[in-house]
């Protein structure tokens, strides 16, 4: 028969307890002890698949020895160290002891039935974090705390798709944490197609991340979070991480982008609710300052994002402010003196500019050296250029600026023409065409990637591109030297129609955009009034640009020359 001490030990093991109850004479005292020890050693702390009964450690034998030593929560959130003991004081377990150097922060994820103290039994993954860098980083890495907040009203309405669920690429460089809770929440749109299903939004988010990493050369997707019209929130860089969404504001802001283009329409109601709940969640977990300022992307830089219609909507949201953001961004304002003196400095509707040692200017700065060409002075004189654009004859001219179709920066600064362009060269891109803004933006981005990454050119080759959606997409822009026609780039403007036009023509409205664009260039002084219009194939006999039908069409345009250039 077992002695009393062995019997107390075997109460911990259901297998041995079963043998004792059956009164098996074959079980000796020594074999019971050995079997108990084997069962205890087999109860791994890292095995998430074991049930309580399979390990044989019954929770009913544990109780708190001293409730004053700390707080214990059954949902697994443990803030202070507790002391646990066996209710039957005659039974002792000495296999697991409290660490001699307790850690400052213990995170237990997706766990059940967790006891912390001198005796620790854990079912689930345990992450122990040391050496936290700052308060925001502590809160973001404390998943227990975040998950606890997520269960509260109203943030239970936030449906977050984690990075792993949309198969995100890992960031190129380690994320950099915000120094303090974000003072700004910046709303933007992705200027892409929108989607109503999770599968389609996952594809869009992955494409956006690929573009930001491979084409923009950023470390990761630019935004902290993206909101889809399917009513789901897609995790970008996440809380407490510096993004790449708004130059000059990334280190004090959270960037939230709606997936789609919202110039004339609004995102779905569920998407709008998601964004509001997401911001509330950020405030609750401490990633966003409770006195944050909500702004549109267009308030921070010259862009149409988040789209006129969506921008009107967010102006009705809590914390939106039409304000000068310089005070909020002053911590990231450069304090350096220009490296040289300039004879002429022009500034128009500027933000965050320092000139010299003391002068502060609210806006971008245009600096013209004394050697600047007349064309450069015209192009940088935004007041004059915009006044011409207001004329009645140009109201139908629909130009999408570089920054509004997410164009990459040129490798080097553009060079300017020395005089108005004497030639206008018409091409097509010999690609697919698109009747939507989103489709044409994607095609233009792909062309720029090819020209920079494969052709090794400084930027996209053309000065302007014209899409079958009747929009003009700014390439290198007015007065700059392109890479469209060797031998003529320094004296010509290159205009490319997006598509292949061998067997059909662009619509009349698309053709009218091309004609109006050329006339506008003449009126602002960057195209010579006596310019000559050529097809690319006239200058380069081996060229197929533009397609046969478009080539025949431009022969009826003003200033077309009917002979090939040598």
Protein backbone atom coordinates (compact mmCIF):
# COMPACT_ATOMS: atom_id res chain seq x y z
CA UNK A 1 0.00 0.00 0.00
CA UNK A 2 1.19 3.55 -0.72
CA UNK A 3 2.42 5.63 2.11
CA UNK A 4 0.65 8.93 2.84
CA UNK A 5 3.23 11.20 1.18
CA UNK A 6 3.19 9.29 -2.08
CA UNK A 7 -0.57 9.35 -2.06
CA UNK A 8 -0.53 13.14 -1.72
CA UNK A 9 1.77 13.41 -4.74
CA UNK A 10 -0.32 11.11 -6.87
CA UNK A 11 -3.38 13.27 -6.40
CA UNK A 12 -1.78 15.56 -9.00
CA UNK A 13 -1.82 12.91 -11.71
CA UNK A 14 -5.14 11.64 -12.98
CA UNK A 15 -3.53 8.52 -14.39
CA UNK A 16 -2.08 7.46 -11.03
CA UNK A 17 -5.18 8.61 -9.21
CA UNK A 18 -7.19 6.30 -11.41
CA UNK A 19 -4.89 3.41 -10.53
CA UNK A 20 -5.20 4.10 -6.83
CA UNK A 21 -8.96 4.25 -7.02
CA UNK A 22 -9.00 0.90 -8.73
CA UNK A 23 -6.75 -0.48 -6.01
CA UNK A 24 -4.34 -2.16 -8.43
CA UNK A 25 -1.89 -4.28 -6.45
CA UNK A 26 0.64 -4.08 -9.27
CA UNK A 27 1.36 -0.39 -8.60
CA UNK A 28 4.15 -0.08 -6.08
CA UNK A 29 5.06 2.99 -4.17
CA UNK A 30 8.19 3.56 -6.20
CA UNK A 31 6.46 3.12 -9.58
CA UNK A 32 3.74 5.62 -8.63
CA UNK A 33 6.30 8.22 -7.68
CA UNK A 34 8.19 7.63 -10.91
CA UNK A 35 5.04 7.84 -13.00
CA UNK A 36 3.96 11.07 -11.31
CA UNK A 37 7.32 12.64 -12.01
CA UNK A 38 7.12 11.62 -15.67
CA UNK A 39 3.67 13.14 -16.03
CA UNK A 40 4.75 16.39 -14.40
CA UNK A 41 7.81 16.67 -16.62
CA UNK A 42 5.70 16.06 -19.73
CA UNK A 43 3.54 19.12 -19.00
CA UNK A 44 5.41 21.62 -21.25
CA UNK A 45 4.80 25.31 -20.64
CA UNK A 46 5.02 25.96 -24.40
CA UNK A 47 2.56 23.34 -25.56
CA UNK A 48 -0.62 25.16 -26.59
CA UNK A 49 -2.44 21.99 -27.57
CA UNK A 50 -2.57 20.32 -24.13
CA UNK A 51 -5.81 20.49 -22.25
CA UNK A 52 -5.96 20.88 -18.52
CA UNK A 53 -7.11 17.32 -18.05
CA UNK A 54 -4.33 15.85 -20.23
CA UNK A 55 -1.68 17.47 -18.08
CA UNK A 56 -3.39 16.30 -14.95
CA UNK A 57 -3.04 19.58 -13.05
CA UNK A 58 -6.46 20.38 -11.76
CA UNK A 59 -7.14 24.09 -11.28
CA UNK A 60 -9.42 23.25 -8.40
CA UNK A 61 -6.43 22.58 -6.12
CA UNK A 62 -5.09 26.15 -6.49
CA UNK A 63 -6.14 29.23 -4.59
CA UNK A 64 -4.72 32.69 -3.89
CA UNK A 65 -2.44 32.65 -0.85
CA UNK A 66 -2.45 36.40 -0.36
CA UNK A 67 -4.75 38.65 -2.39
CA UNK A 68 -2.91 41.72 -1.17
CA UNK A 69 0.18 40.79 -3.20
CA UNK A 70 -1.37 41.77 -6.55
CA UNK A 71 -4.38 41.69 -8.83
CA UNK A 72 -5.42 38.67 -10.85
CA UNK A 73 -7.82 38.70 -13.81
CA UNK A 74 -9.35 35.55 -15.23
CA UNK A 75 -9.12 36.86 -18.82
CA UNK A 76 -5.35 36.59 -18.66
CA UNK A 77 -4.44 40.22 -17.99
CA UNK A 78 -2.02 40.30 -15.08
CA UNK A 79 -0.67 43.62 -13.87
CA UNK A 80 1.01 42.64 -10.57
CA UNK A 81 2.70 39.50 -9.36
CA UNK A 82 0.40 37.18 -7.37
CA UNK A 83 1.32 34.37 -5.01
CA UNK A 84 -0.31 30.98 -5.60
CA UNK A 85 -0.38 27.99 -3.28
CA UNK A 86 -1.86 24.51 -3.01
CA UNK A 87 -5.11 24.37 -1.06
CA UNK A 88 -3.89 21.13 0.41
CA UNK A 89 -0.84 22.39 2.31
CA UNK A 90 0.58 18.90 2.70
CA UNK A 91 1.14 18.64 -1.06
CA UNK A 92 4.09 20.68 -2.43
CA UNK A 93 5.38 21.29 -5.92
CA UNK A 94 8.91 22.58 -6.32
CA UNK A 95 9.47 22.08 -10.02
CA UNK A 96 8.63 25.67 -11.09
CA UNK A 97 9.80 28.67 -9.14
CA UNK A 98 9.41 32.39 -9.72
CA UNK A 99 12.40 33.92 -11.62
CA UNK A 100 14.99 35.59 -9.44
CA UNK A 101 15.01 38.66 -11.72
CA UNK A 102 11.35 39.32 -12.59
CA UNK A 103 10.72 40.99 -15.94
CA UNK A 104 9.06 44.38 -16.12
CA UNK A 105 6.52 43.52 -18.77
CA UNK A 106 4.95 40.13 -19.47
CA UNK A 107 2.61 39.71 -22.44
CA UNK A 108 0.43 36.61 -22.68
CA UNK A 109 -1.44 36.24 -25.96
CA UNK A 110 -4.57 34.17 -26.63
CA UNK A 111 -4.25 32.27 -23.36
CA UNK A 112 -6.59 30.48 -20.98
CA UNK A 113 -6.23 29.50 -17.32
CA UNK A 114 -2.98 31.41 -16.62
CA UNK A 115 -1.47 31.54 -13.13
CA UNK A 116 1.49 33.84 -12.41
CA UNK A 117 3.68 33.67 -9.33
CA UNK A 118 5.82 31.09 -7.61
CA UNK A 119 3.98 28.39 -9.59
CA UNK A 120 3.27 29.27 -13.25
CA UNK A 121 1.03 27.29 -15.57
CA UNK A 122 0.55 28.81 -19.06
CA UNK A 123 -1.45 27.64 -22.06
CA UNK A 124 -0.49 29.89 -24.98
CA UNK A 125 2.37 31.97 -26.37
CA UNK A 126 4.31 34.02 -23.84
CA UNK A 127 6.29 37.07 -25.00
CA UNK A 128 8.54 38.81 -22.49
CA UNK A 129 9.54 42.30 -23.53
CA UNK A 130 12.46 44.18 -22.05
CA UNK A 131 14.07 47.57 -22.72
CA UNK A 132 11.06 49.38 -24.19
CA UNK A 133 12.08 52.60 -25.96
CA UNK A 134 9.15 54.89 -25.25
CA UNK A 135 5.60 55.12 -24.00
CA UNK A 136 3.94 54.77 -27.42
CA UNK A 137 6.03 51.71 -28.24
CA UNK A 138 5.12 50.13 -24.90
CA UNK A 139 1.41 50.56 -25.58
CA UNK A 140 1.62 49.25 -29.16
CA UNK A 141 3.54 46.11 -28.19
CA UNK A 142 1.22 45.39 -25.25
CA UNK A 143 -1.22 43.25 -27.22
CA UNK A 144 -3.15 42.24 -24.12
CA UNK A 145 -3.88 45.86 -23.36
CA UNK A 146 -4.86 46.61 -26.96
CA UNK A 147 -7.08 43.55 -27.24
CA UNK A 148 -8.76 44.45 -23.97
CA UNK A 149 -9.53 47.92 -25.31
CA UNK A 150 -10.81 46.45 -28.59
CA UNK A 151 -13.54 44.62 -26.69
CA UNK A 152 -14.94 47.90 -25.38
CA UNK A 153 -17.64 50.02 -26.99
CA UNK A 154 -17.33 51.67 -29.52
CA UNK A 155 -14.07 50.17 -30.75
CA UNK A 156 -15.57 46.73 -31.03
CA UNK A 157 -16.85 48.07 -34.37
CA UNK A 158 -13.31 48.23 -35.77
CA UNK A 159 -12.79 45.24 -38.05
CA UNK A 160 -9.02 45.11 -38.56
CA UNK A 161 -7.38 42.85 -41.13
CA UNK A 162 -3.84 42.29 -39.77
CA UNK A 163 -0.81 42.46 -42.05
CA UNK A 164 -0.38 38.70 -42.08
CA UNK A 165 -3.94 38.25 -43.35
CA UNK A 166 -3.33 40.35 -46.47
CA UNK A 167 0.10 38.75 -46.90
CA UNK A 168 2.10 41.94 -46.42
CA UNK A 169 5.76 42.08 -47.33
CA UNK A 170 8.02 42.64 -44.33
CA UNK A 171 9.36 46.21 -44.14
CA UNK A 172 12.79 46.82 -45.66
CA UNK A 173 14.02 48.60 -42.52
CA UNK A 174 12.87 48.20 -38.91
CA UNK A 175 9.88 50.45 -38.07
CA UNK A 176 10.65 53.72 -36.29
CA UNK A 177 8.37 54.53 -33.36
CA UNK A 178 6.69 57.89 -32.78
CA UNK A 179 8.21 59.80 -29.89
CA UNK A 180 4.77 60.69 -28.49
CA UNK A 181 1.08 60.13 -29.31
CA UNK A 182 0.19 61.48 -32.74
CA UNK A 183 -0.97 65.11 -32.75
CA UNK A 184 -2.40 64.88 -36.27
CA UNK A 185 -4.71 62.43 -38.01
CA UNK A 186 -4.29 62.88 -41.77
CA UNK A 187 -7.01 61.51 -44.06
CA UNK A 188 -6.12 60.67 -47.66
CA UNK A 189 -7.26 58.43 -50.48
CA UNK A 190 -5.15 56.01 -52.52
CA UNK A 191 -6.30 57.42 -55.91
CA UNK A 192 -6.85 53.85 -57.13
CA UNK A 193 -9.90 51.76 -57.86
CA UNK A 194 -12.18 50.96 -54.94
CA UNK A 195 -13.58 47.52 -54.12
CA UNK A 196 -16.53 46.10 -52.19
CA UNK A 197 -15.03 42.70 -51.33
CA UNK A 198 -12.20 41.72 -49.04
CA UNK A 199 -10.44 39.72 -51.76
CA UNK A 200 -10.33 42.71 -54.11
CA UNK A 201 -9.19 45.09 -51.37
CA UNK A 202 -6.42 42.69 -50.35
CA UNK A 203 -5.16 42.77 -53.94
CA UNK A 204 -5.30 46.58 -54.02
CA UNK A 205 -3.46 46.90 -50.70
CA UNK A 206 -0.75 44.49 -51.81
CA UNK A 207 -0.33 46.39 -55.08
CA UNK A 208 -0.04 49.66 -53.17
CA UNK A 209 2.60 48.23 -50.85
CA UNK A 210 4.56 46.84 -53.81
CA UNK A 211 4.45 50.23 -55.52
CA UNK A 212 5.59 52.06 -52.39
CA UNK A 213 8.48 49.66 -51.75
CA UNK A 214 9.72 48.92 -55.27
CA UNK A 215 8.93 52.17 -57.07
CA UNK A 216 8.94 54.80 -54.33
CA UNK A 217 11.84 53.07 -52.55
CA UNK A 218 10.10 53.44 -49.20
CA UNK A 219 10.60 50.96 -46.40
CA UNK A 220 6.97 49.83 -46.31
CA UNK A 221 3.46 50.83 -47.31
CA UNK A 222 3.11 54.53 -46.59
CA UNK A 223 -0.03 54.53 -44.44
CA UNK A 224 -0.63 53.44 -40.87
CA UNK A 225 -4.07 52.05 -41.81
CA UNK A 226 -6.21 51.74 -44.95
CA UNK A 227 -10.00 51.61 -44.98
CA UNK A 228 -11.85 49.71 -47.70
CA UNK A 229 -15.38 50.15 -49.00
CA UNK A 230 -16.00 46.59 -47.82
CA UNK A 231 -16.20 47.98 -44.28
CA UNK A 232 -12.84 46.54 -43.20
CA UNK A 233 -9.72 48.27 -41.92
CA UNK A 234 -6.40 47.01 -43.29
CA UNK A 235 -3.36 47.36 -41.07
CA UNK A 236 -0.51 49.24 -42.74
CA UNK A 237 2.42 50.23 -40.57
CA UNK A 238 0.12 50.15 -37.54
CA UNK A 239 -0.08 52.24 -34.39
CA UNK A 240 2.86 54.18 -33.05
CA UNK A 241 4.99 53.87 -36.21
CA UNK A 242 6.26 56.72 -38.39
CA UNK A 243 4.74 56.44 -41.87
CA UNK A 244 5.59 57.92 -45.28
CA UNK A 245 2.21 59.39 -46.17
CA UNK A 246 2.78 63.16 -45.71
CA UNK A 247 6.24 64.64 -46.05
CA UNK A 248 7.07 66.95 -43.16
CA UNK A 249 4.33 65.53 -40.89
CA UNK A 250 5.06 61.80 -40.68
CA UNK A 251 6.75 62.01 -37.29
CA UNK A 252 3.76 63.64 -35.58
CA UNK A 253 0.84 62.07 -37.45
CA UNK A 254 -1.18 58.95 -38.14
CA UNK A 255 -2.01 58.44 -41.80
CA UNK A 256 -5.37 56.83 -42.65
CA UNK A 257 -6.13 56.30 -46.33
CA UNK A 258 -9.42 55.30 -47.93
CA UNK A 259 -8.93 52.77 -50.73
CA UNK A 260 -10.29 54.40 -53.88
CA UNK A 261 -10.68 57.78 -55.55
CA UNK A 262 -13.26 60.10 -53.99
CA UNK A 263 -13.35 63.26 -56.04
CA UNK A 264 -17.06 63.00 -56.84
CA UNK A 265 -18.35 60.19 -54.63
CA UNK A 266 -18.06 59.17 -51.00
CA UNK A 267 -16.77 55.89 -49.60
CA UNK A 268 -19.42 53.49 -48.33
CA UNK A 269 -21.15 54.23 -45.02
CA UNK A 270 -19.43 51.26 -43.43
CA UNK A 271 -16.04 52.62 -44.50
CA UNK A 272 -16.77 56.04 -42.97
CA UNK A 273 -17.87 54.40 -39.71
CA UNK A 274 -14.72 52.28 -39.70
CA UNK A 275 -12.48 55.33 -40.00
CA UNK A 276 -14.23 57.13 -37.13
CA UNK A 277 -14.09 54.05 -34.90
CA UNK A 278 -10.45 53.50 -35.82
CA UNK A 279 -9.54 57.00 -34.66
CA UNK A 280 -11.44 56.49 -31.39
CA UNK A 281 -9.55 53.24 -30.88
CA UNK A 282 -6.24 55.02 -31.46
CA UNK A 283 -7.12 57.57 -28.79
CA UNK A 284 -8.14 54.86 -26.33
CA UNK A 285 -4.90 52.89 -26.69
CA UNK A 286 -2.82 56.06 -26.42
CA UNK A 287 -1.45 56.08 -29.98
CA UNK A 288 -3.33 59.29 -30.82
CA UNK A 289 -3.36 62.38 -28.61
CA UNK A 290 -6.78 62.97 -27.08
CA UNK A 291 -6.59 66.57 -28.38
CA UNK A 292 -5.57 65.52 -31.88
CA UNK A 293 -6.29 67.63 -34.97
CA UNK A 294 -8.00 65.98 -37.96
CA UNK A 295 -6.99 67.29 -41.40
CA UNK A 296 -7.18 66.29 -45.03
CA UNK A 297 -4.04 65.42 -46.95
CA UNK A 298 -4.64 68.49 -49.13
CA UNK A 299 -4.20 70.74 -46.07
CA UNK A 300 -0.61 69.52 -45.64
CA UNK A 301 0.67 69.56 -49.23
CA UNK A 302 -0.53 70.54 -52.72
CA UNK A 303 -2.71 67.56 -53.66
CA UNK A 304 -6.34 66.69 -54.35
CA UNK A 305 -6.24 63.87 -51.81
CA UNK A 306 -8.52 62.79 -50.14
CA UNK A 307 -10.72 63.93 -53.02
CA UNK A 308 -13.08 66.89 -52.98
CA UNK A 309 -16.15 64.91 -51.92
CA UNK A 310 -14.41 63.06 -49.09
CA UNK A 311 -12.70 66.25 -47.93
CA UNK A 312 -16.11 67.91 -47.62
CA UNK A 313 -17.28 64.95 -45.54
CA UNK A 314 -14.41 64.92 -43.02
CA UNK A 315 -14.95 68.62 -42.35
CA UNK A 316 -18.07 67.51 -40.43
CA UNK A 317 -16.10 65.09 -38.21
CA UNK A 318 -14.96 65.73 -34.66
CA UNK A 319 -11.57 67.43 -34.27
CA UNK A 320 -11.38 68.62 -37.90
CA UNK A 321 -9.73 71.99 -38.03
CA UNK A 322 -9.06 74.48 -40.80
CA UNK A 323 -5.88 75.83 -39.33
CA UNK A 324 -2.27 76.71 -39.87
CA UNK A 325 -0.42 73.49 -39.15
CA UNK A 326 2.98 75.09 -38.72
CA UNK A 327 2.88 75.11 -34.93
CA UNK A 328 2.07 71.42 -34.88
CA UNK A 329 4.86 70.60 -37.33
CA UNK A 330 7.51 73.01 -36.06
CA UNK A 331 9.44 70.22 -34.38
CA UNK A 332 10.28 68.78 -37.82
CA UNK A 333 10.84 72.15 -39.52
CA UNK A 334 14.35 72.35 -41.01
CA UNK A 335 16.57 74.95 -39.39
CA UNK A 336 19.41 75.15 -41.94
CA UNK A 337 20.58 78.16 -43.90
CA UNK A 338 20.61 77.95 -47.75
CA UNK A 339 23.99 76.83 -49.07
CA UNK A 340 24.28 79.81 -51.43
CA UNK A 341 22.78 83.21 -52.03
CA UNK A 342 20.17 83.70 -54.74
CA UNK A 343 19.31 86.79 -56.70
CA UNK A 344 15.58 86.10 -56.81
CA UNK A 345 13.29 84.23 -54.43
CA UNK A 346 9.62 83.61 -55.30
CA UNK A 347 7.08 82.19 -52.87
CA UNK A 348 3.40 81.49 -53.50
CA UNK A 349 0.98 79.93 -51.00
CA UNK A 350 3.83 78.28 -49.18
CA UNK A 351 4.07 76.10 -46.08
CA UNK A 352 6.92 75.34 -43.70
CA UNK A 353 9.82 77.23 -45.30
CA UNK A 354 12.82 78.89 -43.66
CA UNK A 355 14.85 81.43 -45.63
CA UNK A 356 18.18 82.46 -44.18
CA UNK A 357 18.52 82.32 -40.45
CA UNK A 358 15.29 83.91 -39.24
CA UNK A 359 12.65 84.32 -41.95
CA UNK A 360 9.76 81.85 -41.74
CA UNK A 361 7.46 81.41 -44.73
CA UNK A 362 4.26 79.39 -44.74
CA UNK A 363 4.72 77.19 -47.83
CA UNK A 364 6.89 75.70 -50.63
CA UNK A 365 9.60 77.95 -52.02
CA UNK A 366 10.64 78.63 -55.59
CA UNK A 367 14.22 79.86 -55.95
CA UNK A 368 15.43 81.28 -59.27
CA UNK A 369 19.10 81.94 -59.78
CA UNK A 370 20.22 84.78 -61.98
CA UNK A 371 21.08 82.28 -64.73
CA UNK A 372 17.52 80.89 -64.81
CA UNK A 373 15.96 80.71 -68.27
CA UNK A 374 12.86 82.74 -69.17
CA UNK A 375 10.95 79.47 -69.53
CA UNK A 376 11.84 78.47 -65.96
CA UNK A 377 10.64 81.83 -64.68
CA UNK A 378 7.32 81.38 -66.51
CA UNK A 379 6.79 77.88 -65.16
CA UNK A 380 7.61 78.84 -61.57
CA UNK A 381 5.36 81.89 -61.74
CA UNK A 382 2.28 80.05 -60.53
CA UNK A 383 0.21 83.21 -60.26
CA UNK A 384 0.50 83.90 -63.97
CA UNK A 385 0.04 80.27 -65.05
CA UNK A 386 -3.06 79.86 -62.90
CA UNK A 387 -4.60 83.08 -64.16
CA UNK A 388 -4.39 81.82 -67.74
CA UNK A 389 -5.97 78.53 -66.69
CA UNK A 390 -9.02 80.38 -65.38
CA UNK A 391 -10.00 81.58 -68.84
CA UNK A 392 -13.30 80.32 -70.17
CA UNK A 393 -11.68 78.46 -73.08
CA UNK A 394 -9.68 76.26 -70.69
CA UNK A 395 -12.41 75.27 -68.26
CA UNK A 396 -12.72 71.91 -70.04
CA UNK A 397 -8.97 71.28 -69.82
CA UNK A 398 -8.66 68.66 -67.09
CA UNK A 399 -5.04 68.36 -65.90
CA UNK A 400 -4.03 65.91 -63.15
CA UNK A 401 -0.90 67.18 -61.42
CA UNK A 402 2.08 64.88 -60.77
CA UNK A 403 1.46 64.66 -57.05
CA UNK A 404 -2.17 63.68 -57.63
CA UNK A 405 -1.33 60.50 -59.48
CA UNK A 406 1.42 59.48 -57.02
CA UNK A 407 4.29 59.99 -59.42
CA UNK A 408 7.83 59.16 -58.35
CA UNK A 409 10.26 62.00 -57.86
CA UNK A 410 12.80 62.39 -60.69
CA UNK A 411 16.26 60.96 -60.05
CA UNK A 412 17.73 64.43 -60.63
CA UNK A 413 16.19 67.88 -60.96
CA UNK A 414 14.61 68.64 -64.33
CA UNK A 415 16.44 70.81 -66.83
CA UNK A 416 14.50 73.63 -68.47
CA UNK A 417 14.19 74.69 -72.08
CA UNK A 418 16.17 77.82 -72.90
CA UNK A 419 13.39 79.19 -75.10
CA UNK A 420 9.79 78.33 -76.01
CA UNK A 421 9.42 74.92 -77.67
CA UNK A 422 9.58 75.12 -81.46
CA UNK A 423 8.13 71.64 -81.93
CA UNK A 424 5.24 69.62 -80.51
CA UNK A 425 5.75 65.86 -80.91
CA UNK A 426 2.74 63.53 -80.73
CA UNK A 427 3.10 59.89 -79.66
CA UNK A 428 1.05 57.08 -78.21
CA UNK A 429 2.30 54.71 -75.52
CA UNK A 430 1.52 51.47 -77.41
CA UNK A 431 -0.01 50.05 -74.21
CA UNK A 432 -3.50 49.23 -73.07
CA UNK A 433 -5.90 52.14 -72.73
CA UNK A 434 -8.29 52.87 -69.87
CA UNK A 435 -11.50 54.84 -69.53
CA UNK A 436 -11.11 55.43 -65.80
CA UNK A 437 -8.82 57.68 -63.83
CA UNK A 438 -7.65 54.79 -61.68
CA UNK A 439 -6.71 52.71 -64.71
CA UNK A 440 -4.80 55.55 -66.34
CA UNK A 441 -2.95 56.33 -63.11
CA UNK A 442 -1.78 52.72 -62.95
CA UNK A 443 -0.69 52.78 -66.61
CA UNK A 444 1.18 56.06 -66.13
CA UNK A 445 2.92 54.71 -63.03
CA UNK A 446 3.98 51.59 -64.90
CA UNK A 447 5.38 53.70 -67.75
CA UNK A 448 7.37 55.83 -65.32
CA UNK A 449 8.75 52.70 -63.65
CA UNK A 450 9.91 51.35 -67.03
CA UNK A 451 11.50 54.65 -68.05
CA UNK A 452 13.39 55.04 -64.76
CA UNK A 453 14.22 51.44 -63.81
CA UNK A 454 14.76 49.87 -67.24
CA UNK A 455 15.56 52.75 -69.58
CA UNK A 456 17.65 54.45 -66.85
CA UNK A 457 16.14 57.82 -67.67
CA UNK A 458 15.77 60.56 -65.12
CA UNK A 459 11.95 60.51 -65.15
CA UNK A 460 9.01 59.56 -67.32
CA UNK A 461 9.87 60.53 -70.88
CA UNK A 462 6.88 62.70 -71.80
CA UNK A 463 5.90 66.21 -70.78
CA UNK A 464 2.23 65.18 -70.68
CA UNK A 465 0.09 62.06 -71.18
CA UNK A 466 -3.57 62.04 -72.25
CA UNK A 467 -5.87 59.24 -71.12
CA UNK A 468 -9.03 57.90 -72.69
CA UNK A 469 -10.86 59.22 -69.62
CA UNK A 470 -10.40 62.74 -71.13
CA UNK A 471 -7.80 63.76 -68.55
CA UNK A 472 -4.32 65.13 -69.06
CA UNK A 473 -1.69 63.60 -66.74
CA UNK A 474 1.29 65.81 -66.02
CA UNK A 475 4.61 64.11 -66.78
CA UNK A 476 7.71 66.28 -66.70
CA UNK A 477 5.46 69.28 -67.17
CA UNK A 478 5.82 72.56 -68.99
CA UNK A 479 9.18 73.98 -69.99
CA UNK A 480 11.24 70.92 -69.03
CA UNK A 481 13.49 68.85 -71.27
CA UNK A 482 12.00 65.38 -71.82
CA UNK A 483 13.36 62.09 -73.14
CA UNK A 484 10.75 61.33 -75.80
CA UNK A 485 12.55 62.19 -79.08
CA UNK A 486 16.34 62.03 -79.32
CA UNK A 487 17.78 65.19 -80.86
CA UNK A 488 14.61 67.22 -80.23
CA UNK A 489 14.11 66.99 -76.48
CA UNK A 490 15.74 70.36 -75.80
CA UNK A 491 13.41 72.20 -78.20
CA UNK A 492 10.16 70.23 -78.14
CA UNK A 493 7.17 69.30 -76.01
CA UNK A 494 6.31 65.59 -76.03
CA UNK A 495 2.61 64.62 -75.66
CA UNK A 496 1.68 60.92 -75.52
CA UNK A 497 -1.83 59.45 -75.75
CA UNK A 498 -2.19 56.47 -73.39
CA UNK A 499 -3.10 53.45 -75.51
CA UNK A 500 -2.46 51.90 -78.92
CA UNK A 501 -4.19 53.60 -81.83
CA UNK A 502 -3.31 51.57 -84.91
CA UNK A 503 -6.90 50.56 -85.71
CA UNK A 504 -9.03 53.07 -83.83
CA UNK A 505 -9.01 56.64 -82.57
CA UNK A 506 -9.37 58.19 -79.14
CA UNK A 507 -12.79 59.76 -78.58
CA UNK A 508 -13.36 63.37 -79.74
CA UNK A 509 -13.25 64.63 -76.13
CA UNK A 510 -9.83 63.02 -75.67
CA UNK A 511 -8.53 64.60 -78.88
CA UNK A 512 -9.90 67.98 -77.76
CA UNK A 513 -7.85 67.69 -74.57
CA UNK A 514 -4.70 67.41 -76.69
CA UNK A 515 -5.61 70.45 -78.81
CA UNK A 516 -6.49 72.57 -75.77
CA UNK A 517 -3.27 71.57 -74.01
CA UNK A 518 -1.14 72.78 -76.93
CA UNK A 519 -3.04 76.08 -77.15
CA UNK A 520 -2.62 76.59 -73.40
CA UNK A 521 1.14 76.07 -73.73
CA UNK A 522 1.24 78.77 -76.41
CA UNK A 523 -0.77 81.20 -74.26
CA UNK A 524 1.50 80.89 -71.22
CA UNK A 525 4.60 81.30 -73.39
CA UNK A 526 6.25 77.85 -73.19
CA UNK A 527 5.38 76.87 -76.79
CA UNK A 528 6.39 79.13 -79.67
CA UNK A 529 3.34 80.63 -81.46
CA UNK A 530 4.84 79.37 -84.75
CA UNK A 531 5.50 75.87 -83.50
CA UNK A 532 5.50 72.88 -85.83
CA UNK A 533 3.48 69.76 -85.05
CA UNK A 534 5.02 66.37 -85.82
CA UNK A 535 4.32 62.73 -85.23
CA UNK A 536 7.20 60.85 -83.62
CA UNK A 537 7.37 58.53 -86.65
CA UNK A 538 8.13 61.51 -88.90
CA UNK A 539 11.27 62.34 -86.94
CA UNK A 540 12.30 58.73 -86.29
CA UNK A 541 11.46 56.65 -89.40
CA UNK A 542 11.83 53.37 -87.47
CA UNK A 543 9.24 54.53 -84.92
CA UNK A 544 5.65 53.23 -84.79
CA UNK A 545 4.44 56.13 -82.60
CA UNK A 546 1.67 57.15 -82.77
CA UNK A 547 -0.50 54.37 -84.22
CA UNK A 548 -1.65 54.64 -87.83
CA UNK A 549 -5.14 56.00 -87.11
CA UNK A 550 -3.92 58.66 -84.69
CA UNK A 551 -1.17 59.64 -87.13
CA UNK A 552 -3.77 60.24 -89.82
CA UNK A 553 -5.91 62.26 -87.39
CA UNK A 554 -3.23 64.79 -86.32
CA UNK A 555 -2.52 65.61 -89.97
CA UNK A 556 -5.69 67.73 -89.78
CA UNK A 557 -4.54 69.69 -86.73
CA UNK A 558 -3.21 73.22 -86.81
CA UNK A 559 0.55 73.61 -87.40
CA UNK A 560 1.03 70.05 -88.65
CA UNK A 561 4.01 69.72 -90.99
CA UNK A 562 3.63 67.32 -93.89
CA UNK A 563 7.28 66.42 -94.41
CA UNK A 564 9.67 64.27 -92.41
CA UNK A 565 12.50 65.82 -90.45
CA UNK A 566 16.06 64.80 -91.28
